[in-house]
Amino acid sequence: MKDTVIADARPAGEPGDRLNYNVNGKLFSAEPEAGQCLRTFLRDRGVFGVKKGCDAGDCGACTVWLDGKPFHSCLIPAFRAAGRAVTTIEGLAQDGELHPMQRAFFKAQAFQCGFCAAGMIMTAAALDEARRADLPHALKGNLCRCTGYRSISDAFAGVTAIEEDVAGRACGASLPNPFAEGIVTGRARYTMDVVVEGLLHLKVLRSPHHHARIRS
């Protein structure tokens, strides 16, 4: 069933009804599937900055804001977000300007593969000064498997870890990840973010040889 754009975003009832949503300022009505979580609901609508991770509320890759507060969207029934302001990493930047926390993560290169970065930034951007003083506790709901957290701590400290890409001086310079802006804005795409129109089934073709040299 297609979503219908509407003029307001007031709650409309219980699961099974068409409900009114406000996602990153876009207002629409939709009928969530029975038992559908908010993360799947958002990803079904192309909001791929909300990542599918642990499905148990442990990793934080799916973190979004509900009325300005961070939640793991895999634990929130989709119908519970009706009538509330849902903000994802795609909606954090305003008028083409990165949010200060997005800029901080960019400058510190506080990611490696970048898969966890969207959820990490959504949590980090909601922390007050008191919670920033105890990052191990404040970020315990967001896991990063790549960085060792040093660069994430650097982002909070305002550390800049990148240099300008100057022609002839790039060798040995600390250049930013070429996908950095896509990572901090949620535009970077990973395997599960690929949409193939009209797809019914997909099978991954793996090599039949555990070790071989490709000759042609």
N, C-alpha and C. Protein backbone atom coordinates (compact mmCIF):
# COMPACT_ATOMS: atom_id res chain seq x y z
N MET A 1 0.84 -1.19 0.00
CA MET A 1 0.00 0.00 0.00
C MET A 1 0.87 1.24 0.00
N LYS A 2 0.59 2.20 -0.85
CA LYS A 2 1.41 3.40 -0.93
C LYS A 2 1.12 4.34 0.24
N ASP A 3 2.17 5.08 0.63
CA ASP A 3 1.99 6.10 1.65
C ASP A 3 1.26 7.29 1.03
N THR A 4 0.52 8.00 1.86
CA THR A 4 -0.22 9.17 1.42
C THR A 4 0.30 10.39 2.15
N VAL A 5 0.72 11.41 1.42
CA VAL A 5 1.19 12.64 2.05
C VAL A 5 -0.01 13.37 2.65
N ILE A 6 0.16 13.87 3.87
CA ILE A 6 -0.94 14.52 4.57
C ILE A 6 -0.48 15.88 5.10
N ALA A 7 -1.40 16.60 5.71
CA ALA A 7 -1.10 17.96 6.15
C ALA A 7 -0.68 18.03 7.60
N ASP A 8 -0.95 17.00 8.40
CA ASP A 8 -0.53 17.03 9.79
C ASP A 8 0.00 15.66 10.17
N ALA A 9 0.39 15.49 11.43
CA ALA A 9 0.98 14.22 11.86
C ALA A 9 0.43 13.82 13.22
N ARG A 10 -0.89 13.84 13.37
CA ARG A 10 -1.49 13.45 14.64
C ARG A 10 -1.66 11.94 14.69
N PRO A 11 -1.55 11.34 15.89
CA PRO A 11 -1.74 9.89 15.99
C PRO A 11 -3.14 9.51 15.56
N ALA A 12 -3.28 8.29 15.00
CA ALA A 12 -4.58 7.92 14.44
C ALA A 12 -5.18 6.68 15.09
N GLY A 13 -4.48 6.01 16.02
CA GLY A 13 -5.12 4.87 16.66
C GLY A 13 -4.17 3.75 16.98
N GLU A 14 -4.57 2.53 16.67
CA GLU A 14 -3.87 1.32 17.08
C GLU A 14 -3.24 0.63 15.87
N PRO A 15 -2.40 -0.44 16.12
CA PRO A 15 -1.83 -1.20 15.01
C PRO A 15 -2.93 -1.68 14.07
N GLY A 16 -2.67 -1.63 12.79
CA GLY A 16 -3.67 -2.03 11.80
C GLY A 16 -4.38 -0.84 11.17
N ASP A 17 -4.31 0.33 11.83
CA ASP A 17 -4.89 1.53 11.27
C ASP A 17 -3.84 2.25 10.42
N ARG A 18 -4.32 3.13 9.52
CA ARG A 18 -3.39 4.05 8.86
C ARG A 18 -3.06 5.14 9.86
N LEU A 19 -1.77 5.34 10.10
CA LEU A 19 -1.31 6.28 11.11
C LEU A 19 -0.56 7.43 10.45
N ASN A 20 -0.45 8.52 11.17
CA ASN A 20 0.20 9.72 10.65
C ASN A 20 1.61 9.84 11.21
N TYR A 21 2.58 10.06 10.31
CA TYR A 21 3.99 10.08 10.69
C TYR A 21 4.65 11.38 10.26
N ASN A 22 5.69 11.74 11.02
CA ASN A 22 6.55 12.87 10.70
C ASN A 22 7.99 12.36 10.77
N VAL A 23 8.58 12.07 9.61
CA VAL A 23 9.95 11.54 9.55
C VAL A 23 10.84 12.57 8.87
N ASN A 24 11.77 13.13 9.61
CA ASN A 24 12.68 14.16 9.09
C ASN A 24 11.92 15.31 8.44
N GLY A 25 10.77 15.65 9.05
CA GLY A 25 9.98 16.78 8.56
C GLY A 25 9.02 16.43 7.45
N LYS A 26 9.07 15.20 6.94
CA LYS A 26 8.15 14.77 5.90
C LYS A 26 6.92 14.15 6.56
N LEU A 27 5.76 14.65 6.24
CA LEU A 27 4.51 14.18 6.83
C LEU A 27 3.81 13.21 5.88
N PHE A 28 3.41 12.06 6.38
CA PHE A 28 2.71 11.08 5.54
C PHE A 28 1.89 10.15 6.44
N SER A 29 0.96 9.43 5.83
CA SER A 29 0.21 8.42 6.56
C SER A 29 0.55 7.06 5.99
N ALA A 30 0.57 6.05 6.85
CA ALA A 30 0.92 4.70 6.42
C ALA A 30 0.35 3.70 7.40
N GLU A 31 0.23 2.48 6.96
CA GLU A 31 -0.25 1.39 7.81
C GLU A 31 0.89 0.42 8.06
N PRO A 32 1.50 0.44 9.26
CA PRO A 32 2.59 -0.49 9.54
C PRO A 32 2.09 -1.93 9.50
N GLU A 33 2.98 -2.84 9.17
CA GLU A 33 2.63 -4.26 9.20
C GLU A 33 2.49 -4.70 10.65
N ALA A 34 1.75 -5.76 10.87
CA ALA A 34 1.55 -6.27 12.23
C ALA A 34 2.89 -6.64 12.85
N GLY A 35 3.19 -6.10 14.01
CA GLY A 35 4.42 -6.43 14.72
C GLY A 35 5.66 -5.77 14.16
N GLN A 36 5.51 -4.88 13.19
CA GLN A 36 6.68 -4.28 12.55
C GLN A 36 7.35 -3.27 13.48
N CYS A 37 8.69 -3.35 13.54
CA CYS A 37 9.42 -2.38 14.36
C CYS A 37 9.68 -1.12 13.54
N LEU A 38 10.01 -0.05 14.24
CA LEU A 38 10.22 1.23 13.58
C LEU A 38 11.39 1.17 12.61
N ARG A 39 12.44 0.44 12.95
CA ARG A 39 13.60 0.36 12.05
C ARG A 39 13.21 -0.20 10.69
N THR A 40 12.49 -1.30 10.67
CA THR A 40 12.08 -1.92 9.41
C THR A 40 11.10 -1.02 8.67
N PHE A 41 10.21 -0.38 9.41
CA PHE A 41 9.25 0.55 8.82
C PHE A 41 9.98 1.67 8.07
N LEU A 42 11.03 2.22 8.69
CA LEU A 42 11.78 3.31 8.07
C LEU A 42 12.59 2.81 6.87
N ARG A 43 13.24 1.68 7.02
CA ARG A 43 14.06 1.15 5.92
C ARG A 43 13.18 0.76 4.73
N ASP A 44 11.97 0.30 4.97
CA ASP A 44 11.05 -0.02 3.88
C ASP A 44 10.69 1.22 3.08
N ARG A 45 10.92 2.38 3.67
CA ARG A 45 10.63 3.64 2.99
C ARG A 45 11.90 4.35 2.53
N GLY A 46 12.99 3.58 2.42
CA GLY A 46 14.23 4.09 1.85
C GLY A 46 15.10 4.89 2.80
N VAL A 47 14.79 4.84 4.10
CA VAL A 47 15.61 5.57 5.09
C VAL A 47 16.72 4.62 5.55
N PHE A 48 17.74 4.46 4.72
CA PHE A 48 18.76 3.45 4.96
C PHE A 48 19.86 3.89 5.91
N GLY A 49 19.83 5.15 6.36
CA GLY A 49 20.77 5.56 7.40
C GLY A 49 20.48 4.85 8.71
N VAL A 50 19.28 4.31 8.85
CA VAL A 50 18.91 3.51 10.02
C VAL A 50 19.34 2.07 9.72
N LYS A 51 20.40 1.62 10.37
CA LYS A 51 21.00 0.34 10.01
C LYS A 51 20.37 -0.84 10.75
N LYS A 52 20.34 -1.98 10.07
CA LYS A 52 19.90 -3.24 10.68
C LYS A 52 21.12 -3.90 11.30
N GLY A 53 21.14 -4.00 12.62
CA GLY A 53 22.28 -4.58 13.30
C GLY A 53 21.93 -5.83 14.07
N CYS A 54 21.77 -5.68 15.39
CA CYS A 54 21.63 -6.86 16.25
C CYS A 54 20.20 -7.35 16.40
N ASP A 55 19.22 -6.52 16.12
CA ASP A 55 17.80 -6.86 16.33
C ASP A 55 17.44 -7.05 17.80
N ALA A 56 18.31 -6.61 18.72
CA ALA A 56 18.05 -6.84 20.13
C ALA A 56 18.27 -5.60 20.99
N GLY A 57 18.50 -4.44 20.37
CA GLY A 57 18.71 -3.23 21.14
C GLY A 57 20.08 -3.13 21.78
N ASP A 58 21.03 -3.93 21.30
CA ASP A 58 22.36 -3.95 21.91
C ASP A 58 23.37 -3.08 21.18
N CYS A 59 23.30 -3.00 19.83
CA CYS A 59 24.39 -2.38 19.08
C CYS A 59 24.18 -0.90 18.80
N GLY A 60 22.94 -0.43 18.76
CA GLY A 60 22.68 0.99 18.55
C GLY A 60 22.79 1.47 17.12
N ALA A 61 23.03 0.57 16.17
CA ALA A 61 23.17 1.00 14.77
C ALA A 61 21.88 1.60 14.22
N CYS A 62 20.76 1.30 14.85
CA CYS A 62 19.47 1.76 14.35
C CYS A 62 18.93 2.96 15.13
N THR A 63 19.80 3.64 15.88
CA THR A 63 19.35 4.74 16.75
C THR A 63 18.72 5.89 15.96
N VAL A 64 17.55 6.31 16.40
CA VAL A 64 16.86 7.49 15.85
C VAL A 64 16.39 8.34 17.03
N TRP A 65 15.95 9.55 16.73
CA TRP A 65 15.34 10.39 17.76
C TRP A 65 13.83 10.33 17.65
N LEU A 66 13.17 10.22 18.79
CA LEU A 66 11.73 10.42 18.89
C LEU A 66 11.52 11.65 19.74
N ASP A 67 10.99 12.70 19.14
CA ASP A 67 10.82 13.98 19.83
C ASP A 67 12.12 14.44 20.47
N GLY A 68 13.23 14.23 19.76
CA GLY A 68 14.52 14.73 20.21
C GLY A 68 15.30 13.83 21.15
N LYS A 69 14.75 12.66 21.49
CA LYS A 69 15.44 11.75 22.40
C LYS A 69 15.84 10.48 21.64
N PRO A 70 17.07 9.97 21.87
CA PRO A 70 17.54 8.80 21.12
C PRO A 70 16.90 7.49 21.60
N PHE A 71 16.51 6.65 20.65
CA PHE A 71 15.95 5.34 20.93
C PHE A 71 16.50 4.34 19.92
N HIS A 72 16.61 3.08 20.33
CA HIS A 72 16.94 2.01 19.40
C HIS A 72 15.65 1.64 18.66
N SER A 73 15.61 1.93 17.38
CA SER A 73 14.35 1.78 16.64
C SER A 73 13.96 0.33 16.41
N CYS A 74 14.89 -0.61 16.62
CA CYS A 74 14.52 -2.03 16.48
C CYS A 74 13.66 -2.50 17.65
N LEU A 75 13.62 -1.71 18.73
CA LEU A 75 12.83 -2.07 19.91
C LEU A 75 11.50 -1.32 19.98
N ILE A 76 11.29 -0.37 19.07
CA ILE A 76 10.08 0.46 19.10
C ILE A 76 9.09 -0.04 18.06
N PRO A 77 7.89 -0.46 18.45
CA PRO A 77 6.88 -0.80 17.45
C PRO A 77 6.60 0.41 16.56
N ALA A 78 6.47 0.19 15.28
CA ALA A 78 6.31 1.30 14.34
C ALA A 78 5.11 2.17 14.70
N PHE A 79 4.02 1.56 15.19
CA PHE A 79 2.82 2.36 15.46
C PHE A 79 3.04 3.33 16.62
N ARG A 80 4.07 3.05 17.48
CA ARG A 80 4.34 3.92 18.62
C ARG A 80 4.96 5.25 18.19
N ALA A 81 5.50 5.32 16.98
CA ALA A 81 6.12 6.55 16.50
C ALA A 81 5.12 7.49 15.83
N ALA A 82 3.89 7.05 15.67
CA ALA A 82 2.88 7.89 15.04
C ALA A 82 2.63 9.14 15.87
N GLY A 83 2.55 10.27 15.18
CA GLY A 83 2.28 11.52 15.87
C GLY A 83 3.46 12.11 16.59
N ARG A 84 4.65 11.50 16.45
CA ARG A 84 5.85 12.01 17.09
C ARG A 84 6.85 12.43 16.01
N ALA A 85 7.77 13.29 16.36
CA ALA A 85 8.79 13.73 15.40
C ALA A 85 9.92 12.70 15.38
N VAL A 86 10.05 12.01 14.26
CA VAL A 86 11.11 11.01 14.09
C VAL A 86 12.25 11.66 13.31
N THR A 87 13.44 11.64 13.88
CA THR A 87 14.62 12.19 13.21
C THR A 87 15.65 11.08 13.05
N THR A 88 16.14 10.91 11.82
CA THR A 88 17.20 9.95 11.55
C THR A 88 18.45 10.73 11.14
N ILE A 89 19.54 10.02 10.90
CA ILE A 89 20.78 10.68 10.52
C ILE A 89 20.60 11.54 9.27
N GLU A 90 19.68 11.13 8.38
CA GLU A 90 19.44 11.90 7.16
C GLU A 90 18.82 13.25 7.45
N GLY A 91 18.16 13.39 8.60
CA GLY A 91 17.48 14.64 8.94
C GLY A 91 18.25 15.50 9.93
N LEU A 92 19.47 15.07 10.28
CA LEU A 92 20.22 15.81 11.29
C LEU A 92 20.81 17.11 10.74
N ALA A 93 21.33 17.07 9.51
CA ALA A 93 21.85 18.29 8.88
C ALA A 93 20.69 19.22 8.53
N GLN A 94 20.92 20.50 8.64
CA GLN A 94 19.88 21.49 8.36
C GLN A 94 20.35 22.48 7.31
N ASP A 95 19.53 22.69 6.29
CA ASP A 95 19.82 23.67 5.23
C ASP A 95 21.19 23.43 4.60
N GLY A 96 21.52 22.15 4.42
CA GLY A 96 22.78 21.80 3.78
C GLY A 96 24.00 21.89 4.67
N GLU A 97 23.81 22.28 5.94
CA GLU A 97 24.93 22.40 6.88
C GLU A 97 24.94 21.20 7.82
N LEU A 98 26.11 20.56 7.94
CA LEU A 98 26.23 19.43 8.85
C LEU A 98 25.95 19.86 10.29
N HIS A 99 25.34 18.98 11.04
CA HIS A 99 25.18 19.19 12.48
C HIS A 99 26.58 19.23 13.11
N PRO A 100 26.80 20.00 14.18
CA PRO A 100 28.12 20.06 14.80
C PRO A 100 28.72 18.69 15.13
N MET A 101 27.88 17.73 15.52
CA MET A 101 28.41 16.40 15.83
C MET A 101 28.81 15.67 14.56
N GLN A 102 28.08 15.87 13.48
CA GLN A 102 28.49 15.29 12.20
C GLN A 102 29.84 15.86 11.76
N ARG A 103 30.02 17.17 11.92
CA ARG A 103 31.29 17.80 11.57
C ARG A 103 32.42 17.27 12.45
N ALA A 104 32.14 17.09 13.74
CA ALA A 104 33.16 16.59 14.67
C ALA A 104 33.60 15.19 14.29
N PHE A 105 32.65 14.32 13.93
CA PHE A 105 32.99 12.96 13.51
C PHE A 105 33.76 12.99 12.20
N PHE A 106 33.40 13.92 11.31
CA PHE A 106 34.11 14.04 10.04
C PHE A 106 35.55 14.46 10.27
N LYS A 107 35.76 15.50 11.08
CA LYS A 107 37.11 16.03 11.31
C LYS A 107 38.00 15.04 12.05
N ALA A 108 37.42 14.29 12.98
CA ALA A 108 38.20 13.32 13.74
C ALA A 108 38.28 11.97 13.02
N GLN A 109 37.53 11.84 11.90
CA GLN A 109 37.43 10.55 11.19
C GLN A 109 37.09 9.45 12.19
N ALA A 110 36.00 9.69 12.92
CA ALA A 110 35.61 8.81 14.03
C ALA A 110 34.81 7.60 13.56
N PHE A 111 35.35 6.91 12.59
CA PHE A 111 34.72 5.71 12.03
C PHE A 111 35.77 5.00 11.21
N GLN A 112 35.48 3.76 10.89
CA GLN A 112 36.34 3.03 9.95
C GLN A 112 35.47 2.51 8.83
N CYS A 113 34.75 1.42 9.06
CA CYS A 113 33.81 0.98 8.02
C CYS A 113 32.63 1.94 7.93
N GLY A 114 32.28 2.59 9.04
CA GLY A 114 31.21 3.58 9.05
C GLY A 114 29.82 3.03 9.31
N PHE A 115 29.69 1.72 9.46
CA PHE A 115 28.36 1.13 9.61
C PHE A 115 27.67 1.61 10.89
N CYS A 116 28.43 1.74 11.96
CA CYS A 116 27.84 2.13 13.24
C CYS A 116 27.72 3.64 13.39
N ALA A 117 28.36 4.41 12.48
CA ALA A 117 28.53 5.85 12.68
C ALA A 117 27.20 6.59 12.79
N ALA A 118 26.22 6.23 11.96
CA ALA A 118 24.94 6.95 11.98
C ALA A 118 24.28 6.86 13.35
N GLY A 119 24.18 5.66 13.89
CA GLY A 119 23.58 5.48 15.21
C GLY A 119 24.41 6.13 16.30
N MET A 120 25.74 6.03 16.18
CA MET A 120 26.63 6.63 17.16
C MET A 120 26.46 8.15 17.18
N ILE A 121 26.38 8.76 16.01
CA ILE A 121 26.20 10.22 15.92
C ILE A 121 24.85 10.64 16.50
N MET A 122 23.80 9.87 16.22
CA MET A 122 22.48 10.22 16.74
C MET A 122 22.46 10.21 18.26
N THR A 123 23.14 9.25 18.87
CA THR A 123 23.24 9.23 20.33
C THR A 123 24.12 10.37 20.82
N ALA A 124 25.29 10.53 20.18
CA ALA A 124 26.25 11.55 20.61
C ALA A 124 25.66 12.95 20.54
N ALA A 125 24.89 13.23 19.49
CA ALA A 125 24.33 14.57 19.29
C ALA A 125 23.27 14.92 20.33
N ALA A 126 22.77 13.92 21.04
CA ALA A 126 21.72 14.17 22.03
C ALA A 126 22.27 14.28 23.45
N LEU A 127 23.58 14.11 23.63
CA LEU A 127 24.15 14.11 24.98
C LEU A 127 24.35 15.53 25.49
N ASP A 128 24.02 15.74 26.76
CA ASP A 128 24.33 17.03 27.39
C ASP A 128 25.74 16.99 27.96
N GLU A 129 26.20 18.09 28.53
CA GLU A 129 27.58 18.17 29.01
C GLU A 129 27.86 17.16 30.11
N ALA A 130 26.89 16.93 30.99
CA ALA A 130 27.09 15.99 32.09
C ALA A 130 27.32 14.57 31.56
N ARG A 131 26.56 14.16 30.56
CA ARG A 131 26.70 12.82 30.02
C ARG A 131 27.95 12.70 29.15
N ARG A 132 28.38 13.80 28.52
CA ARG A 132 29.62 13.76 27.74
C ARG A 132 30.82 13.52 28.64
N ALA A 133 30.70 13.89 29.91
CA ALA A 133 31.82 13.71 30.84
C ALA A 133 32.02 12.25 31.21
N ASP A 134 31.06 11.41 30.88
CA ASP A 134 31.17 9.97 31.18
C ASP A 134 30.80 9.18 29.94
N LEU A 135 31.63 9.29 28.89
CA LEU A 135 31.32 8.68 27.60
C LEU A 135 31.18 7.16 27.66
N PRO A 136 32.03 6.44 28.43
CA PRO A 136 31.86 4.98 28.48
C PRO A 136 30.46 4.57 28.90
N HIS A 137 29.87 5.32 29.80
CA HIS A 137 28.50 5.01 30.23
C HIS A 137 27.48 5.55 29.24
N ALA A 138 27.71 6.78 28.75
CA ALA A 138 26.74 7.42 27.86
C ALA A 138 26.62 6.71 26.52
N LEU A 139 27.70 6.09 26.06
CA LEU A 139 27.70 5.44 24.74
C LEU A 139 27.63 3.92 24.84
N LYS A 140 27.29 3.40 26.00
CA LYS A 140 27.31 1.94 26.16
C LYS A 140 26.26 1.24 25.29
N GLY A 141 25.26 1.98 24.83
CA GLY A 141 24.24 1.39 23.97
C GLY A 141 24.59 1.43 22.49
N ASN A 142 25.79 1.95 22.16
CA ASN A 142 26.22 2.00 20.76
C ASN A 142 27.58 1.33 20.64
N LEU A 143 27.64 0.28 19.84
CA LEU A 143 28.88 -0.48 19.69
C LEU A 143 29.58 -0.12 18.38
N CYS A 144 30.90 -0.01 18.43
CA CYS A 144 31.72 0.18 17.24
C CYS A 144 32.74 -0.95 17.20
N ARG A 145 32.74 -1.70 16.11
CA ARG A 145 33.61 -2.86 16.02
C ARG A 145 34.96 -2.53 15.39
N CYS A 146 35.14 -1.29 14.92
CA CYS A 146 36.35 -0.97 14.14
C CYS A 146 37.34 -0.07 14.85
N THR A 147 36.86 1.01 15.51
CA THR A 147 37.76 2.11 15.84
C THR A 147 38.49 1.96 17.15
N GLY A 148 38.00 1.13 18.07
CA GLY A 148 38.59 1.12 19.40
C GLY A 148 38.17 2.33 20.22
N TYR A 149 37.27 3.14 19.69
CA TYR A 149 36.65 4.28 20.38
C TYR A 149 37.57 5.49 20.56
N ARG A 150 38.86 5.38 20.28
CA ARG A 150 39.74 6.53 20.48
C ARG A 150 39.32 7.70 19.59
N SER A 151 39.07 7.41 18.31
CA SER A 151 38.70 8.50 17.40
C SER A 151 37.32 9.06 17.74
N ILE A 152 36.46 8.24 18.32
CA ILE A 152 35.15 8.74 18.74
C ILE A 152 35.31 9.70 19.91
N SER A 153 36.18 9.35 20.84
CA SER A 153 36.50 10.26 21.94
C SER A 153 37.14 11.53 21.41
N ASP A 154 37.99 11.39 20.38
CA ASP A 154 38.61 12.57 19.75
C ASP A 154 37.55 13.52 19.18
N ALA A 155 36.49 12.95 18.60
CA ALA A 155 35.43 13.78 18.03
C ALA A 155 34.80 14.66 19.10
N PHE A 156 34.56 14.09 20.27
CA PHE A 156 33.98 14.87 21.37
C PHE A 156 34.95 15.94 21.85
N ALA A 157 36.25 15.66 21.73
CA ALA A 157 37.27 16.61 22.20
C ALA A 157 37.60 17.66 21.15
N GLY A 158 36.97 17.57 19.96
CA GLY A 158 37.23 18.56 18.92
C GLY A 158 38.53 18.37 18.18
N VAL A 159 39.08 17.16 18.22
CA VAL A 159 40.34 16.86 17.54
C VAL A 159 40.13 16.80 16.03
N THR A 160 41.01 17.40 15.28
CA THR A 160 41.01 17.29 13.82
C THR A 160 42.13 16.36 13.39
N ALA A 161 41.78 15.29 12.70
CA ALA A 161 42.76 14.27 12.33
C ALA A 161 43.00 14.21 10.83
N ILE A 162 42.52 15.22 10.10
CA ILE A 162 42.66 15.19 8.65
C ILE A 162 43.43 16.41 8.17
N GLU A 163 44.04 16.26 7.01
CA GLU A 163 44.79 17.35 6.40
C GLU A 163 44.19 17.65 5.02
N GLU A 164 44.52 18.82 4.51
CA GLU A 164 44.04 19.20 3.18
C GLU A 164 44.69 18.33 2.12
N ASP A 165 43.91 18.01 1.11
CA ASP A 165 44.43 17.23 -0.02
C ASP A 165 45.05 18.20 -1.02
N VAL A 166 46.35 18.41 -0.89
CA VAL A 166 47.07 19.35 -1.75
C VAL A 166 47.83 18.57 -2.81
N ALA A 167 47.66 18.94 -4.06
CA ALA A 167 48.34 18.25 -5.15
C ALA A 167 49.84 18.20 -4.92
N GLY A 168 50.39 16.99 -5.05
CA GLY A 168 51.82 16.81 -4.87
C GLY A 168 52.25 16.59 -3.44
N ARG A 169 51.30 16.75 -2.48
CA ARG A 169 51.66 16.59 -1.07
C ARG A 169 50.78 15.56 -0.37
N ALA A 170 50.07 14.76 -1.16
CA ALA A 170 49.14 13.80 -0.57
C ALA A 170 49.86 12.61 0.06
N CYS A 171 51.01 12.24 -0.49
CA CYS A 171 51.75 11.08 0.03
C CYS A 171 52.17 11.35 1.48
N GLY A 172 51.72 10.50 2.38
CA GLY A 172 52.05 10.64 3.79
C GLY A 172 51.12 11.54 4.56
N ALA A 173 50.20 12.22 3.87
CA ALA A 173 49.25 13.10 4.55
C ALA A 173 48.08 12.30 5.10
N SER A 174 47.45 12.82 6.13
CA SER A 174 46.28 12.18 6.72
C SER A 174 45.03 12.71 6.03
N LEU A 175 44.70 12.09 4.91
CA LEU A 175 43.56 12.55 4.11
C LEU A 175 42.27 11.92 4.61
N PRO A 176 41.16 12.62 4.45
CA PRO A 176 39.88 12.06 4.91
C PRO A 176 39.43 10.88 4.05
N ASN A 177 38.68 10.01 4.65
CA ASN A 177 38.04 8.92 3.93
C ASN A 177 37.21 9.52 2.79
N PRO A 178 37.36 9.03 1.56
CA PRO A 178 36.60 9.62 0.44
C PRO A 178 35.09 9.48 0.60
N PHE A 179 34.65 8.57 1.47
CA PHE A 179 33.21 8.39 1.70
C PHE A 179 32.75 9.04 3.00
N ALA A 180 33.61 9.88 3.60
CA ALA A 180 33.34 10.41 4.94
C ALA A 180 32.03 11.17 5.03
N GLU A 181 31.76 12.05 4.06
CA GLU A 181 30.53 12.84 4.15
C GLU A 181 29.30 11.94 4.02
N GLY A 182 29.38 10.93 3.15
CA GLY A 182 28.27 9.99 3.03
C GLY A 182 28.05 9.21 4.30
N ILE A 183 29.14 8.89 5.00
CA ILE A 183 29.03 8.12 6.25
C ILE A 183 28.36 8.95 7.33
N VAL A 184 28.76 10.21 7.51
CA VAL A 184 28.21 11.00 8.61
C VAL A 184 26.82 11.54 8.31
N THR A 185 26.38 11.47 7.06
CA THR A 185 25.03 11.93 6.72
C THR A 185 24.06 10.78 6.46
N GLY A 186 24.56 9.54 6.52
CA GLY A 186 23.69 8.39 6.29
C GLY A 186 23.47 8.04 4.84
N ARG A 187 24.19 8.70 3.92
CA ARG A 187 24.03 8.42 2.50
C ARG A 187 24.89 7.25 2.03
N ALA A 188 25.88 6.86 2.81
CA ALA A 188 26.74 5.73 2.41
C ALA A 188 25.89 4.46 2.38
N ARG A 189 26.09 3.65 1.36
CA ARG A 189 25.28 2.46 1.19
C ARG A 189 26.12 1.20 1.42
N TYR A 190 25.53 0.28 2.18
CA TYR A 190 26.15 -1.01 2.47
C TYR A 190 25.33 -2.11 1.80
N THR A 191 25.81 -3.33 1.90
CA THR A 191 25.20 -4.43 1.14
C THR A 191 23.69 -4.51 1.34
N MET A 192 23.23 -4.40 2.59
CA MET A 192 21.80 -4.55 2.87
C MET A 192 20.99 -3.31 2.48
N ASP A 193 21.67 -2.27 2.00
CA ASP A 193 20.98 -1.05 1.61
C ASP A 193 20.70 -1.00 0.11
N VAL A 194 21.07 -2.05 -0.61
CA VAL A 194 20.88 -2.07 -2.06
C VAL A 194 19.47 -2.52 -2.38
N VAL A 195 18.76 -1.72 -3.14
CA VAL A 195 17.38 -2.06 -3.53
C VAL A 195 17.37 -2.43 -5.01
N VAL A 196 16.85 -3.60 -5.33
CA VAL A 196 16.71 -4.05 -6.72
C VAL A 196 15.22 -4.09 -7.04
N GLU A 197 14.79 -3.19 -7.90
CA GLU A 197 13.36 -3.11 -8.22
C GLU A 197 12.86 -4.43 -8.82
N GLY A 198 11.71 -4.88 -8.35
CA GLY A 198 11.08 -6.08 -8.89
C GLY A 198 11.72 -7.38 -8.44
N LEU A 199 12.66 -7.30 -7.49
CA LEU A 199 13.36 -8.50 -7.03
C LEU A 199 12.43 -9.42 -6.24
N LEU A 200 12.42 -10.72 -6.59
CA LEU A 200 11.67 -11.71 -5.84
C LEU A 200 12.59 -12.56 -4.98
N HIS A 201 13.70 -12.99 -5.57
CA HIS A 201 14.66 -13.82 -4.83
C HIS A 201 16.07 -13.35 -5.17
N LEU A 202 16.99 -13.56 -4.23
CA LEU A 202 18.39 -13.20 -4.45
C LEU A 202 19.26 -14.31 -3.88
N LYS A 203 20.25 -14.74 -4.63
CA LYS A 203 21.18 -15.76 -4.15
C LYS A 203 22.59 -15.24 -4.36
N VAL A 204 23.43 -15.40 -3.36
CA VAL A 204 24.82 -14.98 -3.46
C VAL A 204 25.63 -16.11 -4.10
N LEU A 205 26.33 -15.80 -5.18
CA LEU A 205 27.17 -16.79 -5.85
C LEU A 205 28.56 -16.75 -5.24
N ARG A 206 28.96 -17.82 -4.63
CA ARG A 206 30.27 -17.90 -3.99
C ARG A 206 31.21 -18.79 -4.82
N SER A 207 32.49 -18.57 -4.66
CA SER A 207 33.48 -19.36 -5.38
C SER A 207 33.44 -20.81 -4.92
N PRO A 208 33.52 -21.77 -5.85
CA PRO A 208 33.57 -23.18 -5.47
C PRO A 208 34.98 -23.61 -5.00
N HIS A 209 35.94 -22.70 -5.11
CA HIS A 209 37.33 -23.02 -4.74
C HIS A 209 37.76 -22.20 -3.53
N HIS A 210 38.34 -22.87 -2.54
CA HIS A 210 38.75 -22.16 -1.33
C HIS A 210 40.04 -21.38 -1.56
N HIS A 211 40.81 -21.76 -2.59
CA HIS A 211 42.06 -21.03 -2.87
C HIS A 211 42.37 -21.22 -4.35
N ALA A 212 42.46 -20.15 -5.10
CA ALA A 212 42.71 -20.26 -6.53
C ALA A 212 43.26 -18.96 -7.09
N ARG A 213 43.94 -19.03 -8.20
CA ARG A 213 44.40 -17.85 -8.89
C ARG A 213 43.47 -17.59 -10.07
N ILE A 214 42.94 -16.38 -10.15
CA ILE A 214 42.07 -16.02 -11.26
C ILE A 214 42.94 -15.72 -12.48
N ARG A 215 42.78 -16.51 -13.53
CA ARG A 215 43.61 -16.37 -14.72
C ARG A 215 42.89 -15.66 -15.85
N SER A 216 41.59 -15.65 -15.83
CA SER A 216 40.84 -14.95 -16.88
C SER A 216 39.41 -14.73 -16.39
